[in-house]
Amino acid sequence: MCSGMRECAVRTIVITGGTDGMGAALARHYLAAGDRVVVIGRSRAKFEALVAASQSPSAPSRAEFIAADLALVEDSRRVVDHLKESHERIDALVLAASFIRQRRHSTPEGHEASWSLFFLSKYLFVTQLADLLRAGDRPVIVNTAVPGARPDAIGFDDLEMVDGFTFKRSNAQQRRANELLGILATDQNSDLSYVTWGPARLVRSSFAGEVGAGMKFAAAILGPLLGQRPEDAIQPIINIIDTPTPGRAAYRGAKTRPLAVGPHDEKDAARLASAVEEIL
């Protein structure tokens, strides 16, 4: 039984990438828990299958789907605007959309696709939904950007990596930028819990993306043998959402990791925000 109004209240959980893998597992969990779940993804069919599989009769009335390609800034803005118009609060924002590209790719808007998906969209969600998160009792953002990138991983003079793109550099820059985003987010809301999170080990998933033979082998062969089921991998995320602690934190699985600290983190976060606002 609920012990108080806070525990009994229906929460609003927003999940990007919520039709596959860990995102879908989280959506299923919170629909079963009786919460309102907003899923942002590209496949309505997968969303409808997810809701249909729920054992809760009220799940369809508490589930919402927003179709979007979050590699497109226009789509990210549209989703943010819809959420602001349709909801009074957000209790948990899970940023889990993923599409792996090992080569540089430009979107129709002219942005580098991985940077746009893994950071620009997240920047818009975190900064533009701040008021809705502030309206939550214990707001939390879980950003599935694996923590631990080195402090100097951001190329401020070429954020879109027009020159010298490599998957390794791109991945490190996105991860570090999302850690700095936590500084901006918690500066805006001291009650906010902002967690950069990565799984402790390989997770079985559809592994969406344009990848090389090595990653395809890992997904097809090693995933079923060694990978965690998404339902098992998300248990630490559930604990973070259900018992948030204000401030910034980093996790790999259920274990905390030290935040990467650079000599100019506050200045770097402000510089990043300024550069992104010019891009957008």
Protein backbone atom coordinates (compact mmCIF):
# COMPACT_ATOMS: atom_id res chain seq x y z
CA MET A 1 0.00 0.00 0.00
CA CYS A 2 1.04 3.62 -0.47
CA SER A 3 2.28 5.28 2.71
CA GLY A 4 1.64 8.84 1.58
CA MET A 5 0.42 11.14 -1.17
CA ARG A 6 3.83 11.36 -2.82
CA GLU A 7 4.12 7.59 -3.14
CA CYS A 8 0.52 7.30 -4.40
CA ALA A 9 0.72 10.06 -6.99
CA VAL A 10 0.78 9.01 -10.63
CA ARG A 11 4.12 10.06 -12.06
CA THR A 12 4.83 11.17 -15.61
CA ILE A 13 7.79 9.27 -17.07
CA VAL A 14 9.16 10.45 -20.43
CA ILE A 15 11.41 8.03 -22.31
CA THR A 16 13.24 8.74 -25.55
CA GLY A 17 14.08 5.58 -27.46
CA GLY A 18 11.24 3.91 -25.61
CA THR A 19 10.25 1.32 -28.22
CA ASP A 20 13.39 -0.84 -28.13
CA GLY A 21 15.79 -2.40 -25.67
CA MET A 22 16.13 -0.82 -22.26
CA GLY A 23 13.82 2.06 -23.15
CA ALA A 24 11.00 -0.35 -23.96
CA ALA A 25 11.72 -2.36 -20.80
CA LEU A 26 11.42 0.82 -18.73
CA ALA A 27 8.16 1.73 -20.47
CA ARG A 28 6.73 -1.70 -19.69
CA HIS A 29 7.82 -1.46 -16.06
CA TYR A 30 6.29 1.94 -15.40
CA LEU A 31 3.07 1.14 -17.21
CA ALA A 32 2.76 -1.92 -14.97
CA ALA A 33 3.48 0.31 -11.96
CA GLY A 34 0.54 2.53 -12.83
CA ASP A 35 2.45 5.58 -14.02
CA ARG A 36 1.82 7.77 -17.04
CA VAL A 37 4.44 6.94 -19.69
CA VAL A 38 5.33 9.05 -22.73
CA VAL A 39 7.34 7.12 -25.30
CA ILE A 40 9.27 8.95 -28.00
CA GLY A 41 10.46 6.81 -30.88
CA ARG A 42 10.21 6.01 -34.55
CA SER A 43 7.92 2.96 -34.60
CA ARG A 44 4.29 3.29 -33.61
CA ALA A 45 3.83 -0.42 -34.31
CA LYS A 46 6.42 -1.32 -31.65
CA PHE A 47 4.78 1.07 -29.21
CA GLU A 48 1.34 -0.42 -29.81
CA ALA A 49 2.74 -3.93 -29.32
CA LEU A 50 4.37 -2.81 -26.08
CA VAL A 51 1.09 -1.41 -24.73
CA ALA A 52 -0.93 -4.39 -25.93
CA ALA A 53 1.39 -6.73 -24.02
CA SER A 54 0.81 -4.88 -20.76
CA GLN A 55 -1.22 -6.78 -18.17
CA SER A 56 -2.65 -3.54 -16.80
CA PRO A 57 -6.13 -2.79 -18.24
CA SER A 58 -5.51 0.94 -17.80
CA ALA A 59 -2.19 0.94 -19.67
CA PRO A 60 -3.64 2.28 -22.97
CA SER A 61 -5.07 5.32 -21.18
CA ARG A 62 -1.73 6.05 -19.50
CA ALA A 63 0.54 5.50 -22.51
CA GLU A 64 1.35 8.14 -25.10
CA PHE A 65 3.47 7.85 -28.23
CA ILE A 66 5.21 10.72 -30.01
CA ALA A 67 6.77 9.80 -33.34
CA ALA A 68 10.10 11.53 -33.93
CA ASP A 69 13.58 11.18 -35.38
CA LEU A 70 15.64 12.88 -32.69
CA ALA A 71 18.62 13.24 -35.00
CA LEU A 72 16.57 16.09 -36.47
CA VAL A 73 16.53 19.30 -34.43
CA GLU A 74 13.13 20.18 -35.89
CA ASP A 75 11.66 16.93 -34.53
CA SER A 76 13.25 17.46 -31.11
CA ARG A 77 11.78 20.96 -30.92
CA ARG A 78 8.36 19.65 -31.97
CA VAL A 79 8.42 17.00 -29.24
CA VAL A 80 9.50 19.52 -26.60
CA ASP A 81 6.73 21.91 -27.64
CA HIS A 82 4.15 19.11 -27.48
CA LEU A 83 5.26 18.07 -24.00
CA LYS A 84 5.09 21.66 -22.76
CA GLU A 85 1.60 22.08 -24.17
CA SER A 86 0.24 18.72 -23.00
CA HIS A 87 1.78 18.12 -19.57
CA GLU A 88 2.01 20.04 -16.33
CA ARG A 89 4.97 18.13 -14.93
CA ILE A 90 7.62 15.55 -15.70
CA ASP A 91 8.84 13.37 -12.84
CA ALA A 92 11.46 11.40 -14.76
CA LEU A 93 13.12 12.04 -18.10
CA VAL A 94 15.05 9.09 -19.53
CA LEU A 95 17.28 9.95 -22.48
CA ALA A 96 17.88 6.60 -24.15
CA ALA A 97 17.44 7.12 -27.91
CA SER A 98 20.26 5.49 -29.84
CA PHE A 99 21.41 4.90 -33.40
CA ILE A 100 25.08 4.02 -33.79
CA ARG A 101 27.03 5.40 -36.74
CA GLN A 102 30.71 4.61 -37.18
CA ARG A 103 31.11 7.15 -39.96
CA ARG A 104 30.29 10.83 -40.17
CA HIS A 105 26.81 11.48 -41.55
CA SER A 106 25.08 14.80 -42.20
CA THR A 107 21.36 15.16 -41.52
CA PRO A 108 19.09 17.01 -43.98
CA GLU A 109 19.43 19.99 -41.61
CA GLY A 110 23.21 19.97 -42.04
CA HIS A 111 24.16 18.70 -38.58
CA GLU A 112 26.44 15.76 -37.89
CA ALA A 113 23.93 13.01 -37.12
CA SER A 114 25.51 11.45 -34.03
CA TRP A 115 26.17 14.82 -32.40
CA SER A 116 22.60 15.86 -33.15
CA LEU A 117 21.04 12.67 -31.76
CA PHE A 118 23.27 12.09 -28.77
CA PHE A 119 23.70 15.69 -27.65
CA LEU A 120 21.72 18.42 -29.42
CA SER A 121 18.41 16.62 -28.83
CA LYS A 122 19.32 16.00 -25.20
CA TYR A 123 20.35 19.61 -24.72
CA LEU A 124 16.94 20.74 -25.98
CA PHE A 125 15.06 18.28 -23.79
CA VAL A 126 17.01 19.12 -20.63
CA THR A 127 17.02 22.90 -21.01
CA GLN A 128 13.58 23.43 -22.54
CA LEU A 129 11.74 21.05 -20.19
CA ALA A 130 13.32 22.49 -17.04
CA ASP A 131 10.06 24.04 -15.83
CA LEU A 132 8.14 20.78 -16.19
CA LEU A 133 10.86 18.94 -14.28
CA ARG A 134 10.87 21.64 -11.61
CA ALA A 135 7.15 20.96 -11.12
CA GLY A 136 7.89 17.36 -10.11
CA ASP A 137 8.30 16.46 -6.43
CA ARG A 138 11.55 14.55 -6.90
CA PRO A 139 12.58 15.14 -10.52
CA VAL A 140 15.24 12.97 -12.11
CA ILE A 141 17.01 12.82 -15.45
CA VAL A 142 18.72 9.57 -16.44
CA ASN A 143 20.99 10.18 -19.41
CA THR A 144 22.30 6.92 -20.89
CA ALA A 145 25.58 8.54 -21.87
CA VAL A 146 28.25 6.25 -20.45
CA PRO A 147 30.19 8.32 -17.90
CA GLY A 148 33.94 8.69 -17.69
CA ALA A 149 35.06 10.55 -20.83
CA ARG A 150 38.22 12.59 -20.35
CA PRO A 151 37.73 16.28 -19.49
CA ASP A 152 39.33 17.52 -22.73
CA ALA A 153 37.21 15.35 -25.06
CA ILE A 154 35.22 18.25 -26.54
CA GLY A 155 36.52 19.94 -29.68
CA PHE A 156 34.98 23.36 -29.10
CA ASP A 157 36.32 24.70 -32.40
CA ASP A 158 34.66 21.92 -34.43
CA LEU A 159 31.74 20.45 -32.49
CA GLU A 160 30.25 18.90 -35.64
CA MET A 161 33.61 17.22 -36.41
CA VAL A 162 33.81 18.39 -40.00
CA ASP A 163 37.52 17.56 -39.85
CA GLY A 164 39.00 14.41 -38.38
CA PHE A 165 35.82 12.54 -37.49
CA THR A 166 36.34 9.14 -35.87
CA PHE A 167 33.82 7.04 -33.98
CA LYS A 168 36.06 7.10 -30.89
CA ARG A 169 36.38 10.90 -30.89
CA SER A 170 32.69 11.38 -31.58
CA ASN A 171 31.66 9.01 -28.81
CA ALA A 172 33.99 10.62 -26.26
CA GLN A 173 32.80 14.13 -27.12
CA GLN A 174 29.12 13.21 -26.77
CA ARG A 175 29.71 11.55 -23.42
CA ARG A 176 31.69 14.46 -22.02
CA ALA A 177 29.17 16.99 -23.32
CA ASN A 178 26.36 15.14 -21.57
CA GLU A 179 28.28 15.24 -18.29
CA LEU A 180 28.67 19.01 -18.65
CA LEU A 181 24.97 19.24 -19.46
CA GLY A 182 24.36 18.00 -15.93
CA ILE A 183 26.06 21.12 -14.58
CA LEU A 184 23.68 23.33 -16.55
CA ALA A 185 20.66 21.27 -15.48
CA THR A 186 21.41 21.20 -11.75
CA ASP A 187 22.34 24.89 -11.74
CA GLN A 188 18.79 25.55 -12.97
CA ASN A 189 17.19 23.22 -10.40
CA SER A 190 18.92 22.31 -7.14
CA ASP A 191 16.26 19.64 -6.45
CA LEU A 192 17.03 17.81 -9.70
CA SER A 193 18.82 14.48 -9.80
CA TYR A 194 20.91 14.24 -12.99
CA VAL A 195 22.56 10.88 -13.61
CA THR A 196 24.82 9.83 -16.47
CA TRP A 197 24.44 6.07 -16.66
CA GLY A 198 25.85 3.17 -18.60
CA PRO A 199 25.22 -0.57 -18.32
CA ALA A 200 27.71 -2.68 -16.41
CA ARG A 201 28.01 -5.07 -19.36
CA LEU A 202 26.58 -5.85 -22.79
CA VAL A 203 22.80 -5.65 -23.09
CA ARG A 204 20.77 -7.71 -25.55
CA SER A 205 19.09 -5.31 -27.96
CA SER A 206 18.33 -4.75 -31.62
CA PHE A 207 21.53 -2.64 -31.75
CA ALA A 208 20.14 -0.14 -34.22
CA GLY A 209 22.67 1.60 -36.39
CA GLU A 210 25.10 1.54 -39.26
CA VAL A 211 27.97 -0.42 -37.78
CA GLY A 212 30.94 -2.49 -38.83
CA ALA A 213 31.48 -6.23 -38.73
CA GLY A 214 32.86 -6.20 -35.18
CA MET A 215 29.80 -4.56 -33.67
CA LYS A 216 27.47 -6.75 -35.73
CA PHE A 217 29.29 -9.84 -34.40
CA ALA A 218 28.98 -8.59 -30.82
CA ALA A 219 25.27 -7.94 -31.24
CA ALA A 220 24.45 -11.19 -33.06
CA ILE A 221 26.74 -13.65 -31.29
CA LEU A 222 27.98 -12.26 -28.00
CA GLY A 223 24.72 -10.50 -27.09
CA PRO A 224 22.61 -13.65 -26.67
CA LEU A 225 25.50 -15.50 -24.97
CA LEU A 226 26.86 -12.85 -22.59
CA GLY A 227 24.45 -9.95 -22.69
CA GLN A 228 21.96 -9.00 -20.00
CA ARG A 229 18.27 -9.01 -20.76
CA PRO A 230 17.00 -5.43 -20.96
CA GLU A 231 14.62 -6.20 -18.06
CA ASP A 232 17.62 -7.04 -15.88
CA ALA A 233 19.82 -4.19 -17.11
CA ILE A 234 17.27 -1.53 -16.19
CA GLN A 235 16.96 -2.45 -12.51
CA PRO A 236 19.59 0.12 -11.45
CA ILE A 237 17.77 2.79 -13.49
CA ILE A 238 14.52 1.95 -11.73
CA ASN A 239 16.23 2.38 -8.37
CA ILE A 240 17.62 5.75 -9.45
CA ILE A 241 14.22 6.97 -10.63
CA ASP A 242 12.32 5.68 -7.61
CA THR A 243 14.81 6.97 -5.01
CA PRO A 244 16.52 10.00 -6.58
CA THR A 245 19.18 12.05 -4.84
CA PRO A 246 19.47 15.72 -5.85
CA GLY A 247 22.66 16.67 -7.67
CA ARG A 248 24.89 15.05 -10.27
CA ALA A 249 25.99 11.44 -10.22
CA ALA A 250 27.46 8.77 -12.50
CA TYR A 251 26.79 5.04 -12.57
CA ARG A 252 27.87 1.92 -14.42
CA GLY A 253 25.08 -0.52 -13.70
CA ALA A 254 24.31 -0.28 -9.99
CA LYS A 255 27.77 1.00 -9.01
CA THR A 256 28.54 4.67 -8.64
CA ARG A 257 31.47 6.08 -10.55
CA PRO A 258 33.34 9.29 -9.82
CA LEU A 259 32.34 12.22 -11.96
CA ALA A 260 35.04 13.22 -14.44
CA VAL A 261 36.44 16.51 -13.17
CA GLY A 262 38.33 18.96 -15.34
CA PRO A 263 40.08 22.20 -14.41
CA HIS A 264 37.40 24.41 -16.01
CA ASP A 265 34.14 22.44 -15.80
CA GLU A 266 31.84 25.39 -15.07
CA LYS A 267 33.42 27.49 -17.81
CA ASP A 268 33.38 24.56 -20.22
CA ALA A 269 29.66 23.98 -19.53
CA ALA A 270 28.89 27.65 -20.18
CA ARG A 271 31.05 27.63 -23.31
CA LEU A 272 29.28 24.52 -24.57
CA ALA A 273 25.86 26.05 -23.98
CA SER A 274 26.86 29.23 -25.80
CA ALA A 275 28.20 27.28 -28.77
CA VAL A 276 25.11 25.06 -28.97
CA GLU A 277 22.73 28.04 -28.81
CA GLU A 278 24.56 29.45 -31.84
CA ILE A 279 24.21 26.11 -33.66
CA LEU A 280 20.51 25.90 -32.88
